[in-house]
Amino acid sequence: MNSEIEHKVDELTQALRNITVKQEQNQTAQYHLECKEQSWEEINRSGCRLFERLLSCWHQDRRMGIVFEDNKQEFWQLQQRSKYALADEKEQIMAEKRTLMDKEEEYYSERRKLMVDGGL
């Protein structure tokens, strides 16, 4: 019986190692997402400034102003889609992080219980 408990404890220890690896991957994904968000902010600020400059320069040519206004609207729509995609990705990463933390706690509790019950 004792060797069976030791085997289960070893399996839980291995599962905890796997959880740790997944948590590290999750943390890396979170870091990359933060970098993406910073780049996204910079691009959007630059894009908005560019459109404002273009619109201020082309106020005399009505057709050109309309073209730039249309492009600005399209840029805004792309911004919104990107913003929602980043938010979804962040939500997914955070949900995975919570799941991994819950599993980790569950494995630790189960291993502790087995060690106490088995007298290890």
PDB file of N, CA and C in Angstrom:
ATOM      1  N   MET A   1       0.827  -1.198   0.000  1.00  0.00           N
ATOM      2  CA  MET A   1       0.000   0.000   0.000  1.00  0.00           C
ATOM      3  C   MET A   1       0.868   1.258   0.000  1.00  0.00           C
ATOM      4  N   ASN A   2       1.950   1.219   0.744  1.00  0.00           N
ATOM      5  CA  ASN A   2       2.843   2.369   0.857  1.00  0.00           C
ATOM      6  C   ASN A   2       3.478   2.709  -0.495  1.00  0.00           C
ATOM      7  N   SER A   3       3.840   1.676  -1.270  1.00  0.00           N
ATOM      8  CA  SER A   3       4.446   1.946  -2.574  1.00  0.00           C
ATOM      9  C   SER A   3       3.415   2.533  -3.532  1.00  0.00           C
ATOM     10  N   GLU A   4       2.154   2.161  -3.384  1.00  0.00           N
ATOM     11  CA  GLU A   4       1.087   2.730  -4.205  1.00  0.00           C
ATOM     12  C   GLU A   4       0.920   4.218  -3.906  1.00  0.00           C
ATOM     13  N   ILE A   5       0.985   4.564  -2.641  1.00  0.00           N
ATOM     14  CA  ILE A   5       0.878   5.977  -2.251  1.00  0.00           C
ATOM     15  C   ILE A   5       2.074   6.755  -2.772  1.00  0.00           C
ATOM     16  N   GLU A   6       3.271   6.158  -2.641  1.00  0.00           N
ATOM     17  CA  GLU A   6       4.467   6.826  -3.161  1.00  0.00           C
ATOM     18  C   GLU A   6       4.355   7.053  -4.665  1.00  0.00           C
ATOM     19  N   HIS A   7       3.812   6.057  -5.360  1.00  0.00           N
ATOM     20  CA  HIS A   7       3.630   6.192  -6.810  1.00  0.00           C
ATOM     21  C   HIS A   7       2.666   7.339  -7.130  1.00  0.00           C
ATOM     22  N   LYS A   8       1.567   7.428  -6.396  1.00  0.00           N
ATOM     23  CA  LYS A   8       0.603   8.515  -6.611  1.00  0.00           C
ATOM     24  C   LYS A   8       1.226   9.875  -6.296  1.00  0.00           C
ATOM     25  N   VAL A   9       2.022   9.923  -5.229  1.00  0.00           N
ATOM     26  CA  VAL A   9       2.709  11.174  -4.873  1.00  0.00           C
ATOM     27  C   VAL A   9       3.674  11.567  -5.983  1.00  0.00           C
ATOM     28  N   ASP A  10       4.395  10.584  -6.538  1.00  0.00           N
ATOM     29  CA  ASP A  10       5.315  10.861  -7.643  1.00  0.00           C
ATOM     30  C   ASP A  10       4.563  11.375  -8.879  1.00  0.00           C
ATOM     31  N   GLU A  11       3.401  10.796  -9.155  1.00  0.00           N
ATOM     32  CA  GLU A  11       2.592  11.248 -10.282  1.00  0.00           C
ATOM     33  C   GLU A  11       2.126  12.687 -10.073  1.00  0.00           C
ATOM     34  N   LEU A  12       1.712  12.981  -8.854  1.00  0.00           N
ATOM     35  CA  LEU A  12       1.280  14.358  -8.551  1.00  0.00           C
ATOM     36  C   LEU A  12       2.448  15.333  -8.650  1.00  0.00           C
ATOM     37  N   THR A  13       3.619  14.907  -8.212  1.00  0.00           N
ATOM     38  CA  THR A  13       4.807  15.756  -8.304  1.00  0.00           C
ATOM     39  C   THR A  13       5.131  16.045  -9.772  1.00  0.00           C
ATOM     40  N   GLN A  14       5.013  15.018 -10.620  1.00  0.00           N
ATOM     41  CA  GLN A  14       5.250  15.213 -12.052  1.00  0.00           C
ATOM     42  C   GLN A  14       4.193  16.141 -12.640  1.00  0.00           C
ATOM     43  N   ALA A  15       2.948  15.974 -12.235  1.00  0.00           N
ATOM     44  CA  ALA A  15       1.881  16.850 -12.714  1.00  0.00           C
ATOM     45  C   ALA A  15       2.155  18.296 -12.295  1.00  0.00           C
ATOM     46  N   LEU A  16       2.681  18.478 -11.093  1.00  0.00           N
ATOM     47  CA  LEU A  16       3.022  19.826 -10.620  1.00  0.00           C
ATOM     48  C   LEU A  16       4.150  20.423 -11.455  1.00  0.00           C
ATOM     49  N   ARG A  17       5.120  19.611 -11.843  1.00  0.00           N
ATOM     50  CA  ARG A  17       6.199  20.093 -12.713  1.00  0.00           C
ATOM     51  C   ARG A  17       5.627  20.551 -14.056  1.00  0.00           C
ATOM     52  N   ASN A  18       4.703  19.741 -14.585  1.00  0.00           N
ATOM     53  CA  ASN A  18       4.073  20.101 -15.865  1.00  0.00           C
ATOM     54  C   ASN A  18       3.285  21.405 -15.738  1.00  0.00           C
ATOM     55  N   ILE A  19       2.598  21.570 -14.621  1.00  0.00           N
ATOM     56  CA  ILE A  19       1.849  22.809 -14.378  1.00  0.00           C
ATOM     57  C   ILE A  19       2.815  23.988 -14.336  1.00  0.00           C
ATOM     58  N   THR A  20       3.953  23.808 -13.694  1.00  0.00           N
ATOM     59  CA  THR A  20       4.949  24.883 -13.600  1.00  0.00           C
ATOM     60  C   THR A  20       5.427  25.292 -14.993  1.00  0.00           C
ATOM     61  N   VAL A  21       5.677  24.306 -15.856  1.00  0.00           N
ATOM     62  CA  VAL A  21       6.105  24.603 -17.226  1.00  0.00           C
ATOM     63  C   VAL A  21       5.012  25.382 -17.959  1.00  0.00           C
ATOM     64  N   LYS A  22       3.771  24.944 -17.803  1.00  0.00           N
ATOM     65  CA  LYS A  22       2.663  25.639 -18.461  1.00  0.00           C
ATOM     66  C   LYS A  22       2.495  27.050 -17.908  1.00  0.00           C
ATOM     67  N   GLN A  23       2.728  27.224 -16.612  1.00  0.00           N
ATOM     68  CA  GLN A  23       2.630  28.560 -16.018  1.00  0.00           C
ATOM     69  C   GLN A  23       3.711  29.479 -16.581  1.00  0.00           C
ATOM     70  N   GLU A  24       4.905  28.932 -16.779  1.00  0.00           N
ATOM     71  CA  GLU A  24       5.984  29.726 -17.368  1.00  0.00           C
ATOM     72  C   GLU A  24       5.634  30.127 -18.803  1.00  0.00           C
ATOM     73  N   GLN A  25       5.040  29.194 -19.545  1.00  0.00           N
ATOM     74  CA  GLN A  25       4.617  29.507 -20.913  1.00  0.00           C
ATOM     75  C   GLN A  25       3.526  30.572 -20.900  1.00  0.00           C
ATOM     76  N   ASN A  26       2.628  30.462 -19.952  1.00  0.00           N
ATOM     77  CA  ASN A  26       1.556  31.438 -19.818  1.00  0.00           C
ATOM     78  C   ASN A  26       2.129  32.815 -19.492  1.00  0.00           C
ATOM     79  N   GLN A  27       3.115  32.842 -18.607  1.00  0.00           N
ATOM     80  CA  GLN A  27       3.737  34.114 -18.233  1.00  0.00           C
ATOM     81  C   GLN A  27       4.459  34.727 -19.436  1.00  0.00           C
ATOM     82  N   THR A  28       5.095  33.903 -20.243  1.00  0.00           N
ATOM     83  CA  THR A  28       5.756  34.389 -21.453  1.00  0.00           C
ATOM     84  C   THR A  28       4.731  34.951 -22.426  1.00  0.00           C
ATOM     85  N   ALA A  29       3.615  34.250 -22.583  1.00  0.00           N
ATOM     86  CA  ALA A  29       2.541  34.732 -23.463  1.00  0.00           C
ATOM     87  C   ALA A  29       1.999  36.064 -22.952  1.00  0.00           C
ATOM     88  N   GLN A  30       1.877  36.185 -21.651  1.00  0.00           N
ATOM     89  CA  GLN A  30       1.386  37.434 -21.064  1.00  0.00           C
ATOM     90  C   GLN A  30       2.375  38.571 -21.333  1.00  0.00           C
ATOM     91  N   TYR A  31       3.661  38.311 -21.214  1.00  0.00           N
ATOM     92  CA  TYR A  31       4.676  39.322 -21.497  1.00  0.00           C
ATOM     93  C   TYR A  31       4.610  39.754 -22.961  1.00  0.00           C
ATOM     94  N   HIS A  32       4.492  38.781 -23.870  1.00  0.00           N
ATOM     95  CA  HIS A  32       4.417  39.112 -25.304  1.00  0.00           C
ATOM     96  C   HIS A  32       3.155  39.916 -25.611  1.00  0.00           C
ATOM     97  N   LEU A  33       2.081  39.581 -24.941  1.00  0.00           N
ATOM     98  CA  LEU A  33       0.851  40.336 -25.133  1.00  0.00           C
ATOM     99  C   LEU A  33       1.023  41.779 -24.665  1.00  0.00           C
ATOM    100  N   GLU A  34       1.687  41.973 -23.540  1.00  0.00           N
ATOM    101  CA  GLU A  34       1.930  43.329 -23.055  1.00  0.00           C
ATOM    102  C   GLU A  34       2.768  44.123 -24.059  1.00  0.00           C
ATOM    103  N   CYS A  35       3.765  43.462 -24.649  1.00  0.00           N
ATOM    104  CA  CYS A  35       4.583  44.122 -25.681  1.00  0.00           C
ATOM    105  C   CYS A  35       3.724  44.481 -26.897  1.00  0.00           C
ATOM    106  N   LYS A  36       2.838  43.566 -27.283  1.00  0.00           N
ATOM    107  CA  LYS A  36       1.928  43.837 -28.405  1.00  0.00           C
ATOM    108  C   LYS A  36       1.037  45.032 -28.103  1.00  0.00           C
ATOM    109  N   GLU A  37       0.531  45.077 -26.878  1.00  0.00           N
ATOM    110  CA  GLU A  37      -0.355  46.183 -26.498  1.00  0.00           C
ATOM    111  C   GLU A  37       0.385  47.513 -26.543  1.00  0.00           C
ATOM    112  N   GLN A  38       1.639  47.530 -26.081  1.00  0.00           N
ATOM    113  CA  GLN A  38       2.423  48.767 -26.133  1.00  0.00           C
ATOM    114  C   GLN A  38       2.662  49.196 -27.583  1.00  0.00           C
ATOM    115  N   SER A  39       3.005  48.239 -28.437  1.00  0.00           N
ATOM    116  CA  SER A  39       3.217  48.557 -29.850  1.00  0.00           C
ATOM    117  C   SER A  39       1.923  49.050 -30.480  1.00  0.00           C
ATOM    118  N   TRP A  40       0.822  48.422 -30.125  1.00  0.00           N
ATOM    119  CA  TRP A  40      -0.480  48.805 -30.648  1.00  0.00           C
ATOM    120  C   TRP A  40      -0.796  50.246 -30.285  1.00  0.00           C
ATOM    121  N   GLU A  41      -0.535  50.609 -29.029  1.00  0.00           N
ATOM    122  CA  GLU A  41      -0.778  51.990 -28.582  1.00  0.00           C
ATOM    123  C   GLU A  41       0.069  52.982 -29.365  1.00  0.00           C
ATOM    124  N   GLU A  42       1.345  52.663 -29.559  1.00  0.00           N
ATOM    125  CA  GLU A  42       2.237  53.560 -30.300  1.00  0.00           C
ATOM    126  C   GLU A  42       1.772  53.728 -31.742  1.00  0.00           C
ATOM    127  N   ILE A  43       1.410  52.625 -32.380  1.00  0.00           N
ATOM    128  CA  ILE A  43       0.948  52.685 -33.766  1.00  0.00           C
ATOM    129  C   ILE A  43      -0.323  53.511 -33.873  1.00  0.00           C
ATOM    130  N   ASN A  44      -1.226  53.315 -32.947  1.00  0.00           N
ATOM    131  CA  ASN A  44      -2.484  54.067 -32.993  1.00  0.00           C
ATOM    132  C   ASN A  44      -2.269  55.556 -32.774  1.00  0.00           C
ATOM    133  N   ARG A  45      -1.407  55.909 -31.839  1.00  0.00           N
ATOM    134  CA  ARG A  45      -1.120  57.333 -31.628  1.00  0.00           C
ATOM    135  C   ARG A  45      -0.504  57.943 -32.880  1.00  0.00           C
ATOM    136  N   SER A  46       0.448  57.231 -33.467  1.00  0.00           N
ATOM    137  CA  SER A  46       1.083  57.735 -34.691  1.00  0.00           C
ATOM    138  C   SER A  46       0.087  57.847 -35.827  1.00  0.00           C
ATOM    139  N   GLY A  47      -0.764  56.849 -35.972  1.00  0.00           N
ATOM    140  CA  GLY A  47      -1.771  56.871 -37.037  1.00  0.00           C
ATOM    141  C   GLY A  47      -2.739  58.026 -36.871  1.00  0.00           C
ATOM    142  N   CYS A  48      -3.189  58.252 -35.653  1.00  0.00           N
ATOM    143  CA  CYS A  48      -4.118  59.368 -35.408  1.00  0.00           C
ATOM    144  C   CYS A  48      -3.459  60.711 -35.713  1.00  0.00           C
ATOM    145  N   ARG A  49      -2.211  60.882 -35.271  1.00  0.00           N
ATOM    146  CA  ARG A  49      -1.498  62.130 -35.562  1.00  0.00           C
ATOM    147  C   ARG A  49      -1.334  62.322 -37.066  1.00  0.00           C
ATOM    148  N   LEU A  50      -1.013  61.250 -37.761  1.00  0.00           N
ATOM    149  CA  LEU A  50      -0.839  61.321 -39.207  1.00  0.00           C
ATOM    150  C   LEU A  50      -2.129  61.763 -39.894  1.00  0.00           C
ATOM    151  N   PHE A  51      -3.236  61.146 -39.531  1.00  0.00           N
ATOM    152  CA  PHE A  51      -4.504  61.525 -40.154  1.00  0.00           C
ATOM    153  C   PHE A  51      -4.888  62.961 -39.824  1.00  0.00           C
ATOM    154  N   GLU A  52      -4.629  63.389 -38.618  1.00  0.00           N
ATOM    155  CA  GLU A  52      -4.941  64.776 -38.264  1.00  0.00           C
ATOM    156  C   GLU A  52      -4.109  65.742 -39.099  1.00  0.00           C
ATOM    157  N   ARG A  53      -2.824  65.429 -39.283  1.00  0.00           N
ATOM    158  CA  ARG A  53      -1.967  66.281 -40.107  1.00  0.00           C
ATOM    159  C   ARG A  53      -2.435  66.303 -41.558  1.00  0.00           C
ATOM    160  N   LEU A  54      -2.750  65.121 -42.072  1.00  0.00           N
ATOM    161  CA  LEU A  54      -3.208  65.048 -43.460  1.00  0.00           C
ATOM    162  C   LEU A  54      -4.494  65.837 -43.671  1.00  0.00           C
ATOM    163  N   LEU A  55      -5.420  65.668 -42.746  1.00  0.00           N
ATOM    164  CA  LEU A  55      -6.700  66.377 -42.879  1.00  0.00           C
ATOM    165  C   LEU A  55      -6.523  67.887 -42.768  1.00  0.00           C
ATOM    166  N   SER A  56      -5.588  68.308 -41.929  1.00  0.00           N
ATOM    167  CA  SER A  56      -5.381  69.750 -41.789  1.00  0.00           C
ATOM    168  C   SER A  56      -4.699  70.345 -43.033  1.00  0.00           C
ATOM    169  N   CYS A  57      -3.912  69.538 -43.716  1.00  0.00           N
ATOM    170  CA  CYS A  57      -3.225  70.020 -44.920  1.00  0.00           C
ATOM    171  C   CYS A  57      -4.119  70.017 -46.155  1.00  0.00           C
ATOM    172  N   TRP A  58      -5.083  69.146 -46.205  1.00  0.00           N
ATOM    173  CA  TRP A  58      -5.879  68.978 -47.413  1.00  0.00           C
ATOM    174  C   TRP A  58      -7.272  69.572 -47.291  1.00  0.00           C
ATOM    175  N   HIS A  59      -7.437  70.511 -46.416  1.00  0.00           N
ATOM    176  CA  HIS A  59      -8.757  71.108 -46.245  1.00  0.00           C
ATOM    177  C   HIS A  59      -9.231  71.858 -47.486  1.00  0.00           C
ATOM    178  N   GLN A  60      -8.295  72.269 -48.362  1.00  0.00           N
ATOM    179  CA  GLN A  60      -8.688  73.033 -49.559  1.00  0.00           C
ATOM    180  C   GLN A  60      -9.242  72.128 -50.660  1.00  0.00           C
ATOM    181  N   ASP A  61      -8.768  70.911 -50.751  1.00  0.00           N
ATOM    182  CA  ASP A  61      -9.228  69.992 -51.796  1.00  0.00           C
ATOM    183  C   ASP A  61     -10.284  69.065 -51.185  1.00  0.00           C
ATOM    184  N   ARG A  62     -11.521  69.320 -51.539  1.00  0.00           N
ATOM    185  CA  ARG A  62     -12.642  68.603 -50.930  1.00  0.00           C
ATOM    186  C   ARG A  62     -12.564  67.094 -51.187  1.00  0.00           C
ATOM    187  N   ARG A  63     -12.246  66.699 -52.422  1.00  0.00           N
ATOM    188  CA  ARG A  63     -12.184  65.265 -52.746  1.00  0.00           C
ATOM    189  C   ARG A  63     -11.102  64.563 -51.943  1.00  0.00           C
ATOM    190  N   MET A  64      -9.955  65.204 -51.847  1.00  0.00           N
ATOM    191  CA  MET A  64      -8.857  64.603 -51.089  1.00  0.00           C
ATOM    192  C   MET A  64      -9.224  64.512 -49.611  1.00  0.00           C
ATOM    193  N   GLY A  65      -9.893  65.529 -49.110  1.00  0.00           N
ATOM    194  CA  GLY A  65     -10.336  65.511 -47.719  1.00  0.00           C
ATOM    195  C   GLY A  65     -11.283  64.362 -47.453  1.00  0.00           C
ATOM    196  N   ILE A  66     -12.167  64.089 -48.407  1.00  0.00           N
ATOM    197  CA  ILE A  66     -13.111  62.971 -48.267  1.00  0.00           C
ATOM    198  C   ILE A  66     -12.361  61.637 -48.265  1.00  0.00           C
ATOM    199  N   VAL A  67     -11.387  61.508 -49.149  1.00  0.00           N
ATOM    200  CA  VAL A  67     -10.586  60.280 -49.206  1.00  0.00           C
ATOM    201  C   VAL A  67      -9.875  60.059 -47.871  1.00  0.00           C
ATOM    202  N   PHE A  68      -9.253  61.115 -47.359  1.00  0.00           N
ATOM    203  CA  PHE A  68      -8.552  60.979 -46.077  1.00  0.00           C
ATOM    204  C   PHE A  68      -9.518  60.688 -44.935  1.00  0.00           C
ATOM    205  N   GLU A  69     -10.690  61.301 -44.977  1.00  0.00           N
ATOM    206  CA  GLU A  69     -11.693  61.053 -43.931  1.00  0.00           C
ATOM    207  C   GLU A  69     -12.154  59.599 -43.982  1.00  0.00           C
ATOM    208  N   ASP A  70     -12.357  59.076 -45.185  1.00  0.00           N
ATOM    209  CA  ASP A  70     -12.737  57.668 -45.339  1.00  0.00           C
ATOM    210  C   ASP A  70     -11.639  56.740 -44.814  1.00  0.00           C
ATOM    211  N   ASN A  71     -10.398  57.073 -45.148  1.00  0.00           N
ATOM    212  CA  ASN A  71      -9.265  56.271 -44.674  1.00  0.00           C
ATOM    213  C   ASN A  71      -9.147  56.340 -43.145  1.00  0.00           C
ATOM    214  N   LYS A  72      -9.428  57.508 -42.612  1.00  0.00           N
ATOM    215  CA  LYS A  72      -9.380  57.666 -41.155  1.00  0.00           C
ATOM    216  C   LYS A  72     -10.443  56.790 -40.501  1.00  0.00           C
ATOM    217  N   GLN A  73     -11.621  56.754 -41.094  1.00  0.00           N
ATOM    218  CA  GLN A  73     -12.712  55.925 -40.571  1.00  0.00           C
ATOM    219  C   GLN A  73     -12.335  54.438 -40.636  1.00  0.00           C
ATOM    220  N   GLU A  74     -11.743  54.036 -41.738  1.00  0.00           N
ATOM    221  CA  GLU A  74     -11.303  52.647 -41.886  1.00  0.00           C
ATOM    222  C   GLU A  74     -10.228  52.302 -40.850  1.00  0.00           C
ATOM    223  N   PHE A  75      -9.307  53.229 -40.649  1.00  0.00           N
ATOM    224  CA  PHE A  75      -8.260  53.050 -39.646  1.00  0.00           C
ATOM    225  C   PHE A  75      -8.883  52.882 -38.254  1.00  0.00           C
ATOM    226  N   TRP A  76      -9.885  53.695 -37.956  1.00  0.00           N
ATOM    227  CA  TRP A  76     -10.556  53.610 -36.657  1.00  0.00           C
ATOM    228  C   TRP A  76     -11.217  52.241 -36.481  1.00  0.00           C
ATOM    229  N   GLN A  77     -11.856  51.735 -37.543  1.00  0.00           N
ATOM    230  CA  GLN A  77     -12.499  50.421 -37.470  1.00  0.00           C
ATOM    231  C   GLN A  77     -11.471  49.320 -37.231  1.00  0.00           C
ATOM    232  N   LEU A  78     -10.344  49.420 -37.913  1.00  0.00           N
ATOM    233  CA  LEU A  78      -9.270  48.444 -37.695  1.00  0.00           C
ATOM    234  C   LEU A  78      -8.736  48.533 -36.262  1.00  0.00           C
ATOM    235  N   GLN A  79      -8.639  49.753 -35.751  1.00  0.00           N
ATOM    236  CA  GLN A  79      -8.215  49.942 -34.356  1.00  0.00           C
ATOM    237  C   GLN A  79      -9.145  49.201 -33.408  1.00  0.00           C
ATOM    238  N   GLN A  80     -10.429  49.359 -33.610  1.00  0.00           N
ATOM    239  CA  GLN A  80     -11.413  48.738 -32.732  1.00  0.00           C
ATOM    240  C   GLN A  80     -11.324  47.213 -32.791  1.00  0.00           C
ATOM    241  N   ARG A  81     -11.201  46.672 -34.010  1.00  0.00           N
ATOM    242  CA  ARG A  81     -11.083  45.217 -34.139  1.00  0.00           C
ATOM    243  C   ARG A  81      -9.826  44.706 -33.436  1.00  0.00           C
ATOM    244  N   SER A  82      -8.726  45.423 -33.620  1.00  0.00           N
ATOM    245  CA  SER A  82      -7.475  45.028 -32.974  1.00  0.00           C
ATOM    246  C   SER A  82      -7.588  45.120 -31.460  1.00  0.00           C
ATOM    247  N   LYS A  83      -8.244  46.172 -31.013  1.00  0.00           N
ATOM    248  CA  LYS A  83      -8.428  46.369 -29.574  1.00  0.00           C
ATOM    249  C   LYS A  83      -9.210  45.209 -28.967  1.00  0.00           C
ATOM    250  N   TYR A  84     -10.290  44.814 -29.635  1.00  0.00           N
ATOM    251  CA  TYR A  84     -11.105  43.701 -29.128  1.00  0.00           C
ATOM    252  C   TYR A  84     -10.342  42.376 -29.197  1.00  0.00           C
ATOM    253  N   ALA A  85      -9.556  42.188 -30.257  1.00  0.00           N
ATOM    254  CA  ALA A  85      -8.768  40.956 -30.379  1.00  0.00           C
ATOM    255  C   ALA A  85      -7.735  40.867 -29.248  1.00  0.00           C
ATOM    256  N   LEU A  86      -7.079  41.990 -28.950  1.00  0.00           N
ATOM    257  CA  LEU A  86      -6.114  41.999 -27.851  1.00  0.00           C
ATOM    258  C   LEU A  86      -6.798  41.745 -26.512  1.00  0.00           C
ATOM    259  N   ALA A  87      -7.967  42.329 -26.333  1.00  0.00           N
ATOM    260  CA  ALA A  87      -8.710  42.118 -25.084  1.00  0.00           C
ATOM    261  C   ALA A  87      -9.127  40.654 -24.942  1.00  0.00           C
ATOM    262  N   ASP A  88      -9.557  40.040 -26.032  1.00  0.00           N
ATOM    263  CA  ASP A  88      -9.922  38.629 -25.999  1.00  0.00           C
ATOM    264  C   ASP A  88      -8.719  37.750 -25.670  1.00  0.00           C
ATOM    265  N   GLU A  89      -7.590  38.065 -26.286  1.00  0.00           N
ATOM    266  CA  GLU A  89      -6.370  37.305 -26.031  1.00  0.00           C
ATOM    267  C   GLU A  89      -5.952  37.433 -24.568  1.00  0.00           C
ATOM    268  N   LYS A  90      -6.052  38.643 -24.037  1.00  0.00           N
ATOM    269  CA  LYS A  90      -5.694  38.863 -22.634  1.00  0.00           C
ATOM    270  C   LYS A  90      -6.627  38.088 -21.709  1.00  0.00           C
ATOM    271  N   GLU A  91      -7.899  38.117 -22.025  1.00  0.00           N
ATOM    272  CA  GLU A  91      -8.882  37.390 -21.211  1.00  0.00           C
ATOM    273  C   GLU A  91      -8.599  35.887 -21.235  1.00  0.00           C
ATOM    274  N   GLN A  92      -8.241  35.378 -22.401  1.00  0.00           N
ATOM    275  CA  GLN A  92      -7.926  33.958 -22.532  1.00  0.00           C
ATOM    276  C   GLN A  92      -6.679  33.590 -21.722  1.00  0.00           C
ATOM    277  N   ILE A  93      -5.664  34.416 -21.784  1.00  0.00           N
ATOM    278  CA  ILE A  93      -4.432  34.154 -21.037  1.00  0.00           C
ATOM    279  C   ILE A  93      -4.701  34.193 -19.534  1.00  0.00           C
ATOM    280  N   MET A  94      -5.490  35.162 -19.106  1.00  0.00           N
ATOM    281  CA  MET A  94      -5.794  35.265 -17.675  1.00  0.00           C
ATOM    282  C   MET A  94      -6.650  34.088 -17.199  1.00  0.00           C
ATOM    283  N   ALA A  95      -7.579  33.631 -18.028  1.00  0.00           N
ATOM    284  CA  ALA A  95      -8.399  32.470 -17.666  1.00  0.00           C
ATOM    285  C   ALA A  95      -7.529  31.227 -17.548  1.00  0.00           C
ATOM    286  N   GLU A  96      -6.584  31.077 -18.468  1.00  0.00           N
ATOM    287  CA  GLU A  96      -5.670  29.941 -18.412  1.00  0.00           C
ATOM    288  C   GLU A  96      -4.802  30.020 -17.153  1.00  0.00           C
ATOM    289  N   LYS A  97      -4.378  31.221 -16.813  1.00  0.00           N
ATOM    290  CA  LYS A  97      -3.566  31.413 -15.612  1.00  0.00           C
ATOM    291  C   LYS A  97      -4.346  30.983 -14.367  1.00  0.00           C
ATOM    292  N   ARG A  98      -5.610  31.406 -14.279  1.00  0.00           N
ATOM    293  CA  ARG A  98      -6.444  31.024 -13.129  1.00  0.00           C
ATOM    294  C   ARG A  98      -6.647  29.510 -13.076  1.00  0.00           C
ATOM    295  N   THR A  99      -6.884  28.897 -14.235  1.00  0.00           N
ATOM    296  CA  THR A  99      -7.081  27.451 -14.297  1.00  0.00           C
ATOM    297  C   THR A  99      -5.832  26.716 -13.822  1.00  0.00           C
ATOM    298  N   LEU A 100      -4.679  27.170 -14.280  1.00  0.00           N
ATOM    299  CA  LEU A 100      -3.421  26.538 -13.878  1.00  0.00           C
ATOM    300  C   LEU A 100      -3.175  26.689 -12.373  1.00  0.00           C
ATOM    301  N   MET A 101      -3.494  27.853 -11.844  1.00  0.00           N
ATOM    302  CA  MET A 101      -3.319  28.064 -10.403  1.00  0.00           C
ATOM    303  C   MET A 101      -4.257  27.164  -9.602  1.00  0.00           C
ATOM    304  N   ASP A 102      -5.479  27.012 -10.078  1.00  0.00           N
ATOM    305  CA  ASP A 102      -6.434  26.134  -9.397  1.00  0.00           C
ATOM    306  C   ASP A 102      -5.973  24.673  -9.435  1.00  0.00           C
ATOM    307  N   LYS A 103      -5.486  24.236 -10.593  1.00  0.00           N
ATOM    308  CA  LYS A 103      -4.981  22.865 -10.718  1.00  0.00           C
ATOM    309  C   LYS A 103      -3.786  22.652  -9.800  1.00  0.00           C
ATOM    310  N   GLU A 104      -2.903  23.647  -9.778  1.00  0.00           N
ATOM    311  CA  GLU A 104      -1.716  23.543  -8.937  1.00  0.00           C
ATOM    312  C   GLU A 104      -2.118  23.374  -7.472  1.00  0.00           C
ATOM    313  N   GLU A 105      -3.045  24.188  -7.025  1.00  0.00           N
ATOM    314  CA  GLU A 105      -3.508  24.096  -5.644  1.00  0.00           C
ATOM    315  C   GLU A 105      -4.157  22.744  -5.376  1.00  0.00           C
ATOM    316  N   GLU A 106      -4.934  22.273  -6.324  1.00  0.00           N
ATOM    317  CA  GLU A 106      -5.587  20.967  -6.183  1.00  0.00           C
ATOM    318  C   GLU A 106      -4.548  19.848  -6.053  1.00  0.00           C
ATOM    319  N   TYR A 107      -3.529  19.882  -6.908  1.00  0.00           N
ATOM    320  CA  TYR A 107      -2.481  18.851  -6.858  1.00  0.00           C
ATOM    321  C   TYR A 107      -1.697  18.915  -5.551  1.00  0.00           C
ATOM    322  N   TYR A 108      -1.364  20.122  -5.112  1.00  0.00           N
ATOM    323  CA  TYR A 108      -0.651  20.255  -3.837  1.00  0.00           C
ATOM    324  C   TYR A 108      -1.485  19.696  -2.683  1.00  0.00           C
ATOM    325  N   SER A 109      -2.759  20.027  -2.663  1.00  0.00           N
ATOM    326  CA  SER A 109      -3.640  19.534  -1.597  1.00  0.00           C
ATOM    327  C   SER A 109      -3.734  18.019  -1.620  1.00  0.00           C
ATOM    328  N   GLU A 110      -3.916  17.470  -2.798  1.00  0.00           N
ATOM    329  CA  GLU A 110      -4.022  16.016  -2.921  1.00  0.00           C
ATOM    330  C   GLU A 110      -2.724  15.338  -2.501  1.00  0.00           C
ATOM    331  N   ARG A 111      -1.600  15.903  -2.902  1.00  0.00           N
ATOM    332  CA  ARG A 111      -0.303  15.319  -2.534  1.00  0.00           C
ATOM    333  C   ARG A 111      -0.078  15.397  -1.027  1.00  0.00           C
ATOM    334  N   ARG A 112      -0.422  16.545  -0.444  1.00  0.00           N
ATOM    335  CA  ARG A 112      -0.292  16.705   1.009  1.00  0.00           C
ATOM    336  C   ARG A 112      -1.141  15.679   1.746  1.00  0.00           C
ATOM    337  N   LYS A 113      -2.367  15.509   1.286  1.00  0.00           N
ATOM    338  CA  LYS A 113      -3.284  14.551   1.900  1.00  0.00           C
ATOM    339  C   LYS A 113      -2.734  13.140   1.831  1.00  0.00           C
ATOM    340  N   LEU A 114      -2.229  12.768   0.646  1.00  0.00           N
ATOM    341  CA  LEU A 114      -1.657  11.429   0.492  1.00  0.00           C
ATOM    342  C   LEU A 114      -0.448  11.227   1.397  1.00  0.00           C
ATOM    343  N   MET A 115       0.377  12.250   1.503  1.00  0.00           N
ATOM    344  CA  MET A 115       1.580  12.138   2.340  1.00  0.00           C
ATOM    345  C   MET A 115       1.210  12.004   3.819  1.00  0.00           C
ATOM    346  N   VAL A 116       0.200  12.751   4.235  1.00  0.00           N
ATOM    347  CA  VAL A 116      -0.228  12.676   5.640  1.00  0.00           C
ATOM    348  C   VAL A 116      -0.903  11.329   5.911  1.00  0.00           C
ATOM    349  N   ASP A 117      -1.815  10.934   5.015  1.00  0.00           N
ATOM    350  CA  ASP A 117      -2.526   9.671   5.205  1.00  0.00           C
ATOM    351  C   ASP A 117      -1.597   8.461   5.084  1.00  0.00           C
ATOM    352  N   GLY A 118      -0.615   8.569   4.207  1.00  0.00           N
ATOM    353  CA  GLY A 118       0.306   7.456   4.003  1.00  0.00           C
ATOM    354  C   GLY A 118       1.477   7.444   4.960  1.00  0.00           C
ATOM    355  N   GLY A 119       1.610   8.476   5.764  1.00  0.00           N
ATOM    356  CA  GLY A 119       2.710   8.544   6.722  1.00  0.00           C
ATOM    357  C   GLY A 119       4.064   8.795   6.087  1.00  0.00           C
ATOM    358  N   LEU A 120       4.076   9.470   4.936  1.00  0.00           N
ATOM    359  CA  LEU A 120       5.351   9.742   4.258  1.00  0.00           C
ATOM    360  C   LEU A 120       6.021  10.993   4.806  1.00  0.00           C
TER     361      LEU A 120
END
